Structure formats: structure tokens, C-alpha cells
Protein backbone atom coordinates (compact mmCIF):
# COMPACT_ATOMS: atom_id res chain seq x y z
CA MET A 1 -47.71 -21.82 19.73
CA THR A 2 -44.20 -22.32 18.14
CA LEU A 3 -44.13 -20.24 14.53
CA PRO A 4 -42.02 -21.72 11.72
CA ARG A 5 -39.06 -20.23 11.09
CA PRO A 6 -38.26 -18.23 7.89
CA THR A 7 -35.89 -19.81 5.49
CA TRP A 8 -33.46 -16.97 5.77
CA SER A 9 -33.05 -17.61 9.58
CA LYS A 10 -31.70 -20.90 9.04
CA VAL A 11 -28.58 -19.31 7.82
CA LYS A 12 -25.76 -19.38 10.68
CA ALA A 13 -23.37 -16.45 11.07
CA LYS A 14 -20.45 -18.83 11.52
CA THR A 15 -21.09 -20.26 8.26
CA VAL A 16 -20.65 -16.92 6.84
CA GLU A 17 -17.89 -16.14 8.61
CA ASN A 18 -16.16 -19.40 7.50
CA LEU A 19 -17.12 -18.77 3.76
CA THR A 20 -15.79 -15.26 3.99
CA ALA A 21 -12.53 -16.45 5.66
CA GLY A 22 -10.18 -17.58 2.81
CA CYS A 23 -12.18 -15.92 -0.12
CA ILE A 24 -10.91 -14.06 -2.86
CA ASP A 25 -12.49 -10.81 -4.28
CA MET A 26 -11.28 -10.71 -7.91
CA HIS A 27 -12.64 -7.05 -8.30
CA ALA A 28 -12.09 -4.36 -5.76
CA HIS A 29 -11.71 -0.50 -6.22
CA PHE A 30 -9.73 1.93 -3.89
CA GLY A 31 -8.33 5.31 -4.06
CA PRO A 32 -6.71 7.70 -5.11
CA ASP A 33 -9.06 7.67 -8.07
CA SER A 34 -8.88 10.69 -10.37
CA LYS A 35 -12.31 10.12 -11.57
CA LEU A 36 -14.37 9.10 -8.78
CA GLU A 37 -14.30 9.32 -4.91
CA ARG A 38 -13.63 6.18 -3.28
CA SER A 39 -14.45 4.52 0.07
CA VAL A 40 -11.15 3.14 0.80
CA ASP A 41 -7.63 3.80 0.25
CA LEU A 42 -5.15 0.87 -0.41
CA PHE A 43 -4.50 0.67 3.37
CA THR A 44 -8.11 0.47 4.41
CA LEU A 45 -8.95 -2.03 1.67
CA LEU A 46 -6.25 -4.44 2.67
CA GLU A 47 -6.73 -3.64 6.50
CA THR A 48 -10.33 -4.97 6.19
CA ALA A 49 -9.90 -7.56 4.06
CA SER A 50 -7.21 -8.91 6.55
CA ASP A 51 -9.70 -8.38 9.30
CA LEU A 52 -12.20 -10.76 7.62
CA LYS A 53 -9.49 -13.03 6.73
CA LEU A 54 -9.98 -12.96 3.02
CA ARG A 55 -7.07 -15.03 1.09
CA GLY A 56 -6.60 -12.57 -1.59
CA ILE A 57 -7.92 -9.14 -3.21
CA ALA A 58 -7.57 -7.76 -6.61
CA LEU A 59 -6.46 -4.06 -6.91
CA LYS A 60 -8.39 -2.41 -9.71
CA SER A 61 -7.58 1.19 -10.55
CA LYS A 62 -8.79 2.70 -13.99
CA ASP A 63 -5.98 5.18 -13.48
CA TYR A 64 -2.81 3.23 -12.78
CA PRO A 65 -1.37 -0.38 -12.91
CA THR A 66 -1.23 -1.93 -9.38
CA GLY A 67 1.47 -4.46 -9.61
CA ALA A 68 3.94 -2.54 -7.47
CA LEU A 69 1.23 -1.52 -4.96
CA ALA A 70 0.54 -5.23 -4.58
CA GLN A 71 3.99 -5.79 -3.29
CA VAL A 72 3.95 -3.03 -0.80
CA GLY A 73 0.48 -4.12 0.29
CA LYS A 74 1.91 -7.96 0.74
CA ARG A 75 4.73 -6.43 3.14
CA LEU A 76 2.15 -4.55 5.19
CA TYR A 77 -0.30 -7.11 5.36
CA PRO A 78 1.51 -10.46 4.92
CA ASN A 79 -1.62 -12.68 5.64
CA ILE A 80 -3.41 -11.76 2.63
CA GLU A 81 -2.47 -11.84 -1.37
CA PRO A 82 -3.07 -8.18 -2.82
CA ILE A 83 -3.34 -9.17 -6.54
CA GLY A 84 -1.81 -6.56 -9.04
CA ALA A 85 -3.73 -5.61 -12.13
CA ILE A 86 -3.81 -3.23 -15.01
CA CYS A 87 -7.04 -1.53 -16.70
CA LEU A 88 -6.31 -1.01 -20.24
CA ASP A 89 -7.93 2.57 -20.49
CA HIS A 90 -6.83 5.77 -21.88
CA ASP A 91 -4.82 6.70 -18.67
CA VAL A 92 -2.27 3.71 -19.26
CA GLY A 93 -2.17 4.21 -23.31
CA GLY A 94 -5.25 1.96 -24.10
CA LEU A 95 -4.52 -1.30 -25.44
CA ASN A 96 -0.58 -1.42 -24.30
CA ALA A 97 0.99 -4.82 -24.67
CA GLU A 98 4.03 -3.30 -23.17
CA ALA A 99 2.37 -2.23 -19.92
CA VAL A 100 0.79 -5.68 -19.76
CA SER A 101 4.31 -6.95 -20.47
CA THR A 102 5.66 -5.13 -17.45
CA LEU A 103 2.67 -6.13 -15.19
CA GLY A 104 3.35 -9.61 -15.81
CA GLY A 105 7.13 -9.10 -15.28
CA ILE A 106 6.69 -7.73 -12.07
CA GLY A 107 4.07 -10.49 -10.55
CA GLY A 108 0.85 -8.65 -11.49
CA ARG A 109 -2.00 -11.14 -12.32
CA ILE A 110 -5.15 -9.43 -14.03
CA VAL A 111 -5.37 -7.57 -17.15
CA TRP A 112 -8.86 -5.72 -17.74
CA LEU A 113 -9.71 -4.65 -21.46
CA PRO A 114 -11.12 -1.37 -21.45
CA THR A 115 -13.71 -0.29 -19.17
CA PHE A 116 -14.51 3.67 -18.77
CA SER A 117 -12.58 4.06 -22.08
CA SER A 118 -14.67 1.31 -24.05
CA VAL A 119 -16.39 2.69 -27.17
CA GLY A 120 -19.86 1.79 -25.13
CA ASP A 121 -18.84 3.84 -22.06
CA MET A 122 -17.53 6.70 -23.75
CA ASP A 123 -20.93 6.73 -25.79
CA ARG A 124 -23.11 6.20 -22.69
CA PHE A 125 -21.53 8.71 -20.38
CA PHE A 126 -20.05 11.34 -22.48
CA LYS A 127 -21.77 10.72 -25.86
CA ARG A 128 -18.42 10.40 -27.76
CA PRO A 129 -18.15 7.01 -28.73
CA ASP A 130 -15.49 8.32 -31.22
CA LEU A 131 -12.94 8.72 -28.26
CA GLY A 132 -13.59 5.14 -27.13
CA ILE A 133 -11.03 2.21 -27.47
CA SER A 134 -12.05 -0.51 -29.71
CA CYS A 135 -10.69 -3.90 -30.18
CA LEU A 136 -11.96 -4.35 -33.59
CA ASP A 137 -10.85 -2.78 -36.82
CA LYS A 138 -13.08 -1.20 -39.23
CA SER A 139 -13.55 -4.76 -40.95
CA GLY A 140 -14.92 -6.20 -37.70
CA ASN A 141 -11.90 -8.08 -36.85
CA LEU A 142 -9.69 -7.91 -33.94
CA ASN A 143 -7.28 -5.24 -34.21
CA GLN A 144 -3.38 -5.35 -33.86
CA PRO A 145 -3.05 -3.70 -30.46
CA VAL A 146 -5.34 -6.14 -28.87
CA LEU A 147 -3.85 -9.23 -30.46
CA ASP A 148 -0.36 -7.91 -29.16
CA VAL A 149 -1.99 -7.55 -25.53
CA LEU A 150 -3.23 -11.19 -26.02
CA GLU A 151 0.36 -12.30 -26.70
CA GLN A 152 1.40 -10.76 -23.70
CA VAL A 153 -1.30 -12.16 -21.67
CA LYS A 154 -0.35 -15.78 -22.84
CA LYS A 155 3.37 -15.36 -22.66
CA HIS A 156 2.89 -14.34 -18.77
CA ASP A 157 -0.05 -16.64 -17.93
CA LEU A 158 -2.28 -13.73 -16.80
CA VAL A 159 -5.96 -13.51 -16.32
CA LEU A 160 -7.75 -11.93 -19.03
CA ALA A 161 -10.94 -10.07 -17.90
CA THR A 162 -13.26 -8.36 -20.73
CA GLY A 163 -13.83 -4.90 -18.81
CA HIS A 164 -16.67 -2.91 -20.53
CA ILE A 165 -16.27 -3.94 -24.15
CA SER A 166 -19.27 -4.77 -26.43
CA ASN A 167 -20.55 -8.46 -26.93
CA GLU A 168 -18.94 -8.17 -30.55
CA GLU A 169 -15.56 -7.53 -29.14
CA THR A 170 -15.97 -9.84 -26.34
CA MET A 171 -16.99 -12.83 -28.45
CA ALA A 172 -14.05 -12.23 -30.90
CA VAL A 173 -11.62 -11.53 -27.96
CA VAL A 174 -12.35 -15.02 -26.19
CA LYS A 175 -12.41 -16.92 -29.28
CA LYS A 176 -8.87 -15.78 -30.08
CA ALA A 177 -7.61 -16.06 -26.41
CA HIS A 178 -9.05 -19.66 -26.33
CA THR A 179 -7.34 -20.34 -29.86
CA ILE A 180 -4.07 -19.11 -28.70
CA GLY A 181 -4.17 -21.05 -25.40
CA ILE A 182 -4.92 -18.50 -22.77
CA LYS A 183 -6.07 -20.46 -19.85
CA ARG A 184 -7.46 -17.58 -17.36
CA ILE A 185 -10.49 -15.66 -18.81
CA ILE A 186 -13.16 -13.77 -16.91
CA ILE A 187 -16.28 -12.28 -18.57
CA THR A 188 -16.76 -9.15 -16.37
CA HIS A 189 -19.89 -8.92 -14.64
CA PRO A 190 -22.09 -9.92 -17.84
CA ILE A 191 -25.40 -9.67 -16.51
CA THR A 192 -25.09 -6.04 -15.58
CA ALA A 193 -26.84 -4.33 -18.06
CA ASN A 194 -25.12 -0.70 -17.65
CA LEU A 195 -21.45 -2.00 -18.01
CA GLY A 196 -20.44 -3.50 -21.16
CA GLY A 197 -22.25 -6.05 -23.27
CA THR A 198 -25.21 -8.00 -21.99
CA PRO A 199 -24.56 -11.44 -23.72
CA THR A 200 -27.40 -13.84 -24.35
CA MET A 201 -27.77 -17.14 -22.25
CA GLU A 202 -26.20 -18.93 -25.36
CA MET A 203 -23.39 -16.72 -25.62
CA MET A 204 -22.59 -17.17 -22.00
CA LYS A 205 -22.67 -20.91 -22.43
CA GLU A 206 -20.17 -20.53 -25.30
CA TYR A 207 -17.93 -18.62 -23.45
CA VAL A 208 -18.04 -21.33 -20.65
CA ARG A 209 -17.35 -23.81 -23.31
CA MET A 210 -14.25 -21.95 -23.95
CA GLY A 211 -13.00 -21.97 -20.66
CA ALA A 212 -14.11 -18.73 -19.44
CA TYR A 213 -15.54 -17.98 -16.21
CA LEU A 214 -18.62 -15.49 -15.57
CA GLU A 215 -18.21 -13.16 -12.93
CA HIS A 216 -21.23 -11.91 -10.97
CA ALA A 217 -20.63 -8.54 -9.24
CA LEU A 218 -22.25 -7.29 -5.96
CA ILE A 219 -22.46 -3.78 -7.38
CA GLY A 220 -24.92 -4.53 -9.80
CA LEU A 221 -27.49 -5.78 -7.06
CA THR A 222 -27.11 -2.96 -4.48
CA GLY A 223 -28.35 0.59 -3.86
CA ARG A 224 -28.34 3.12 -6.67
CA THR A 225 -26.07 0.81 -8.84
CA GLN A 226 -28.63 -1.90 -8.71
CA VAL A 227 -29.55 -3.07 -12.15
CA ILE A 228 -30.44 -6.85 -11.70
CA THR A 229 -32.29 -8.62 -9.37
CA TRP A 230 -31.27 -11.37 -6.79
CA GLU A 231 -33.83 -13.40 -8.60
CA ALA A 232 -32.23 -12.97 -11.90
CA LEU A 233 -28.77 -13.72 -10.41
CA ILE A 234 -29.71 -17.01 -8.79
CA GLU A 235 -31.40 -18.19 -12.21
CA ASN A 236 -28.17 -17.24 -14.05
CA ILE A 237 -25.86 -19.17 -11.60
CA ARG A 238 -28.44 -22.33 -11.83
CA ALA A 239 -28.12 -22.10 -15.45
CA ILE A 240 -24.63 -21.89 -16.21
CA GLY A 241 -23.53 -23.69 -13.11
CA PRO A 242 -21.55 -22.55 -10.13
CA GLU A 243 -18.42 -24.37 -11.29
CA HIS A 244 -18.33 -21.77 -14.15
CA CYS A 245 -18.82 -18.47 -12.04
CA ILE A 246 -16.94 -16.42 -9.55
CA LEU A 247 -18.56 -13.91 -6.97
CA SER A 248 -16.96 -10.50 -6.62
CA SER A 249 -17.92 -7.10 -4.62
CA ASP A 250 -16.68 -4.57 -7.54
CA PHE A 251 -17.08 -2.26 -4.45
CA GLY A 252 -15.10 0.83 -3.47
CA GLN A 253 -17.86 3.34 -4.30
CA ILE A 254 -18.37 6.04 -1.81
CA SER A 255 -21.97 4.97 -1.38
CA ASN A 256 -20.75 1.22 -0.35
CA PRO A 257 -18.80 -0.36 2.28
CA PRO A 258 -15.39 -1.88 1.90
CA PRO A 259 -14.91 -4.55 -0.69
CA ALA A 260 -14.36 -7.18 2.12
CA TYR A 261 -17.72 -6.42 3.80
CA GLY A 262 -19.35 -6.54 0.48
CA MET A 263 -17.98 -9.97 -0.15
CA LYS A 264 -19.40 -10.82 3.38
CA THR A 265 -22.69 -9.47 2.56
CA PHE A 266 -22.90 -11.13 -0.86
CA ILE A 267 -22.07 -14.66 0.72
CA ALA A 268 -24.86 -13.95 3.42
CA ASN A 269 -27.49 -13.00 0.79
CA LEU A 270 -26.88 -15.99 -1.48
CA LEU A 271 -27.19 -18.29 1.44
CA THR A 272 -30.45 -16.83 2.50
CA LEU A 273 -31.74 -17.07 -0.99
CA GLY A 274 -31.06 -20.95 -1.03
CA LEU A 275 -27.80 -21.46 -2.51
CA LYS A 276 -25.87 -24.33 -0.90
CA ASP A 277 -22.68 -23.64 1.22
CA GLU A 278 -20.54 -25.62 -1.43
CA GLU A 279 -22.06 -23.69 -4.34
CA VAL A 280 -20.97 -20.35 -2.60
CA GLU A 281 -17.55 -21.81 -1.71
CA VAL A 282 -16.59 -22.87 -5.04
CA MET A 283 -17.61 -19.38 -6.22
CA VAL A 284 -15.66 -17.48 -3.67
CA LYS A 285 -12.62 -19.61 -3.14
CA THR A 286 -12.09 -22.59 -5.42
CA ASN A 287 -12.65 -20.56 -9.13
CA PRO A 288 -10.98 -17.47 -7.88
CA ALA A 289 -8.01 -19.24 -6.44
CA LYS A 290 -7.75 -21.32 -9.95
CA LEU A 291 -7.81 -18.00 -11.83
CA SER A 292 -5.47 -15.90 -9.89
CA GLY A 293 -2.92 -18.92 -8.94
CA ILE A 294 -2.74 -17.87 -5.21
């Protein structure tokens, strides 16, 4: 008797390899890091990404800008594009427009709004929301520091990622960014409930109407950091459309493998859950390439 093959067994290893090769991880952590132990340093991050033939990988640090490190990394690993970035937490002066301008001036690409220094994270982890960085003034309008940041993002044609700010902040920021002509906007892991705001479906569709891409990160689907189900992720991708989404690892935690292997795992799992090759490809190659400009 010949038993039927389960759906997941129909996914070919070569298909996973081909989709991993040429993909771009727009959200990867590495060390040194003053706050968290990391699974990789810059060299291991880029070496593993190079081994798996990724096209590019974003260098995210909550401690320091990575524009210069991206250039060093490119010299060491010329077959991959390290993407320089800045995370606007307290460590770099918060909503620091001058730092954003400098990043753009040396070829950096991604600007994350506050993450661990956001009001929500300072409340969640330290019970000190008063120490958090807000994008809003006391009247609920965008404050001058974030407006100055947005001007520099536009001037240098950078990618604006929303970080861990609240729903109210995100909506106000994205509306303003859209109004002034910022073309590259990422809503950072919107369905990962413990990291930043968790927008409604209608809010996510509104972001998409304003040209933003929704980022789905593997970090929220695995191990001790799992806060969403694979079924919920698939449902969201179907509702929004793969053409409006990107897939990132957000790996670099000591409990996870290197980010490049996270991307390979992410791709394989989504294929086994029934997403088509072309749907995955647009989220790991086409859309990240449009956003990053590489």
C-alpha cells in the first residue's frame, strides 16, 4: 500500500535554497550589544549570510548607528550588501535628526523610530513610561523632534521603520510621512503583540493605502519569544496581500540561530504551510529590494 504524502513533504529543499539565495533580511541583530547577549557578531552575521547567498542584510543595533560598519562589512564580504541603519533610542540621542542626516550622508538606509526607549517599552520592561521617547506632544500632535527626523528621512530617501511606538504614534507618523512624500515605510512587526502597538486590520489596511509595507518577523513565531501563531500570520498575509508585506528574521538573540538561517527557516515553514513560491519570493526579495534600494 502506498501512503499519501503529507502536504509539507512536497516542499523541495532546492526550492528553499533558491528562495533563500538572493533574499534580503531587513531586520537582523548582532553584537556587541550593551543590553543583550547576541548570538552573532558582525563577522559571523555576514559570513553566514554570505554562505547562504543572501543578497542583503540590515545591521540593526539599539546601541549605535551602523552605517560605517556596513561599509566595512562590504569590503570583507563583497558578495552581500550590509545595510546600515540607526535606531532612535536614548543611546543615540533619541529623535536625533542630525544623526539621521549623518547616516544618510554615509550611505545608511534604515531609520527605526524608538524601540527599547519607546514609552511603551519603558513602561512594559521598567515601569517608567516617563523615561520613554514619544513622537507626540502633550496635545497629541507630532512633536518637533520627530518632524525634523522625517525631514531628514525624506531628504536622504531613507527607509522609515516604525519601531516599537504606539498605534497612535504610528498612525500620526505614517500619515505625515505619506503627506511629505516619504516613499519607503515599514510598519515594524505589527502583529507581534508584545513589541510596540498592535494595529487593527483596518489600521493595517490604512497603512498599506499610504504606501507602507507590513513587516512580519520570525522572532514572534518561535521559542520563548513566540506571541503569534503561524495560522494568524498566514491569515494576515492573505488579508493584506503578499505584495504589501516583507519577511524578516529579527534574529540575533542568544537563543536563536544566526539571522540568515532564520530566513531560511522562515521561508521553509511558510512553504510547508501552503504559501506559493511566488508569494514568498515577493516578500523576501522583491519588496525588500524596493525598500532598501539594493
